[in-house]
Amino acid sequence: DAAEQALADGRPWLMGARWHIGDAHVAWVTDRARQSGLSMDALPRVTALLDRQMQRPAWQRAVARESADA
């Protein structure tokens, strides 16, 4: 809920216009929650942050490495 409120002013990332490592953490937790079947309906801004994070090449490489290790 704190992340949802931090994004309420329309900024793309938690700290404003620039990506921050905290964005990766929130995205990771959100992704895990969504994969576990939890509803993200109450967190549309956080879900949008995850969607933006998933477009980052570094995120895509990390997910690929994680999948290969599984």
C-alpha atoms as a PDB file:
ATOM      1  CA  ASP A   1       0.000   0.000   0.000  1.00  0.00           C
ATOM      2  CA  ALA A   2       2.896   2.384   0.709  1.00  0.00           C
ATOM      3  CA  ALA A   3       4.263   1.827  -2.789  1.00  0.00           C
ATOM      4  CA  GLU A   4       0.805   2.390  -4.273  1.00  0.00           C
ATOM      5  CA  GLN A   5       0.592   5.728  -2.450  1.00  0.00           C
ATOM      6  CA  ALA A   6       4.126   6.715  -3.486  1.00  0.00           C
ATOM      7  CA  LEU A   7       3.096   6.306  -7.117  1.00  0.00           C
ATOM      8  CA  ALA A   8      -0.176   8.215  -6.683  1.00  0.00           C
ATOM      9  CA  ASP A   9       1.194  11.451  -8.098  1.00  0.00           C
ATOM     10  CA  GLY A  10       1.778   9.849 -11.495  1.00  0.00           C
ATOM     11  CA  ARG A  11       5.508   9.365 -11.273  1.00  0.00           C
ATOM     12  CA  PRO A  12       6.811   6.292 -13.120  1.00  0.00           C
ATOM     13  CA  TRP A  13       9.136   5.055 -10.358  1.00  0.00           C
ATOM     14  CA  LEU A  14       9.016   5.139  -6.571  1.00  0.00           C
ATOM     15  CA  MET A  15      11.642   7.871  -6.283  1.00  0.00           C
ATOM     16  CA  GLY A  16      10.326   9.937  -9.190  1.00  0.00           C
ATOM     17  CA  ALA A  17      11.381  10.052 -12.814  1.00  0.00           C
ATOM     18  CA  ARG A  18      14.431   7.807 -12.394  1.00  0.00           C
ATOM     19  CA  TRP A  19      14.561   4.117 -11.656  1.00  0.00           C
ATOM     20  CA  HIS A  20      15.801   3.109  -8.187  1.00  0.00           C
ATOM     21  CA  ILE A  21      16.753  -0.283  -6.740  1.00  0.00           C
ATOM     22  CA  GLY A  22      13.636  -0.085  -4.573  1.00  0.00           C
ATOM     23  CA  ASP A  23      11.578  -0.343  -7.753  1.00  0.00           C
ATOM     24  CA  ALA A  24      13.166  -3.715  -8.492  1.00  0.00           C
ATOM     25  CA  HIS A  25      12.317  -4.969  -5.010  1.00  0.00           C
ATOM     26  CA  VAL A  26       8.689  -3.842  -5.197  1.00  0.00           C
ATOM     27  CA  ALA A  27       8.396  -5.320  -8.697  1.00  0.00           C
ATOM     28  CA  TRP A  28       9.877  -8.636  -7.544  1.00  0.00           C
ATOM     29  CA  VAL A  29       7.497  -8.875  -4.571  1.00  0.00           C
ATOM     30  CA  THR A  30       4.551  -7.902  -6.779  1.00  0.00           C
ATOM     31  CA  ASP A  31       5.502 -10.485  -9.385  1.00  0.00           C
ATOM     32  CA  ARG A  32       5.781 -13.216  -6.737  1.00  0.00           C
ATOM     33  CA  ALA A  33       2.438 -12.240  -5.217  1.00  0.00           C
ATOM     34  CA  ARG A  34       0.760 -12.281  -8.614  1.00  0.00           C
ATOM     35  CA  GLN A  35       2.323 -15.660  -9.457  1.00  0.00           C
ATOM     36  CA  SER A  36       0.989 -16.979  -6.155  1.00  0.00           C
ATOM     37  CA  GLY A  37      -2.526 -16.075  -7.204  1.00  0.00           C
ATOM     38  CA  LEU A  38      -3.004 -12.984  -5.064  1.00  0.00           C
ATOM     39  CA  SER A  39      -5.233 -10.347  -6.592  1.00  0.00           C
ATOM     40  CA  MET A  40      -3.456  -7.163  -7.563  1.00  0.00           C
ATOM     41  CA  ASP A  41      -6.728  -5.339  -8.300  1.00  0.00           C
ATOM     42  CA  ALA A  42      -6.246  -2.978  -5.346  1.00  0.00           C
ATOM     43  CA  LEU A  43      -2.736  -2.029  -6.528  1.00  0.00           C
ATOM     44  CA  PRO A  44      -3.011  -0.770 -10.112  1.00  0.00           C
ATOM     45  CA  ARG A  45      -0.046   1.614  -9.845  1.00  0.00           C
ATOM     46  CA  VAL A  46       2.211  -1.051  -8.388  1.00  0.00           C
ATOM     47  CA  THR A  47       1.113  -3.458 -11.107  1.00  0.00           C
ATOM     48  CA  ALA A  48       1.959  -0.797 -13.699  1.00  0.00           C
ATOM     49  CA  LEU A  49       5.381  -0.389 -12.052  1.00  0.00           C
ATOM     50  CA  LEU A  50       5.914  -4.148 -12.460  1.00  0.00           C
ATOM     51  CA  ASP A  51       4.933  -3.875 -16.117  1.00  0.00           C
ATOM     52  CA  ARG A  52       7.492  -1.074 -16.627  1.00  0.00           C
ATOM     53  CA  GLN A  53      10.128  -3.051 -14.745  1.00  0.00           C
ATOM     54  CA  MET A  54       9.491  -6.088 -16.937  1.00  0.00           C
ATOM     55  CA  GLN A  55      10.439  -3.997 -19.991  1.00  0.00           C
ATOM     56  CA  ARG A  56      13.913  -3.275 -18.630  1.00  0.00           C
ATOM     57  CA  PRO A  57      16.613  -5.406 -20.298  1.00  0.00           C
ATOM     58  CA  ALA A  58      18.393  -6.028 -16.990  1.00  0.00           C
ATOM     59  CA  TRP A  59      15.173  -7.398 -15.483  1.00  0.00           C
ATOM     60  CA  GLN A  60      14.655  -9.666 -18.476  1.00  0.00           C
ATOM     61  CA  ARG A  61      18.212 -11.023 -18.138  1.00  0.00           C
ATOM     62  CA  ALA A  62      17.756 -11.643 -14.410  1.00  0.00           C
ATOM     63  CA  VAL A  63      14.481 -13.481 -14.967  1.00  0.00           C
ATOM     64  CA  ALA A  64      16.099 -15.592 -17.699  1.00  0.00           C
ATOM     65  CA  ARG A  65      18.998 -16.509 -15.366  1.00  0.00           C
ATOM     66  CA  GLU A  66      16.579 -17.328 -12.554  1.00  0.00           C
ATOM     67  CA  SER A  67      14.535 -19.554 -14.858  1.00  0.00           C
ATOM     68  CA  ALA A  68      17.653 -21.350 -16.082  1.00  0.00           C
ATOM     69  CA  ASP A  69      18.726 -22.095 -12.504  1.00  0.00           C
ATOM     70  CA  ALA A  70      15.332 -23.499 -11.517  1.00  0.00           C
END
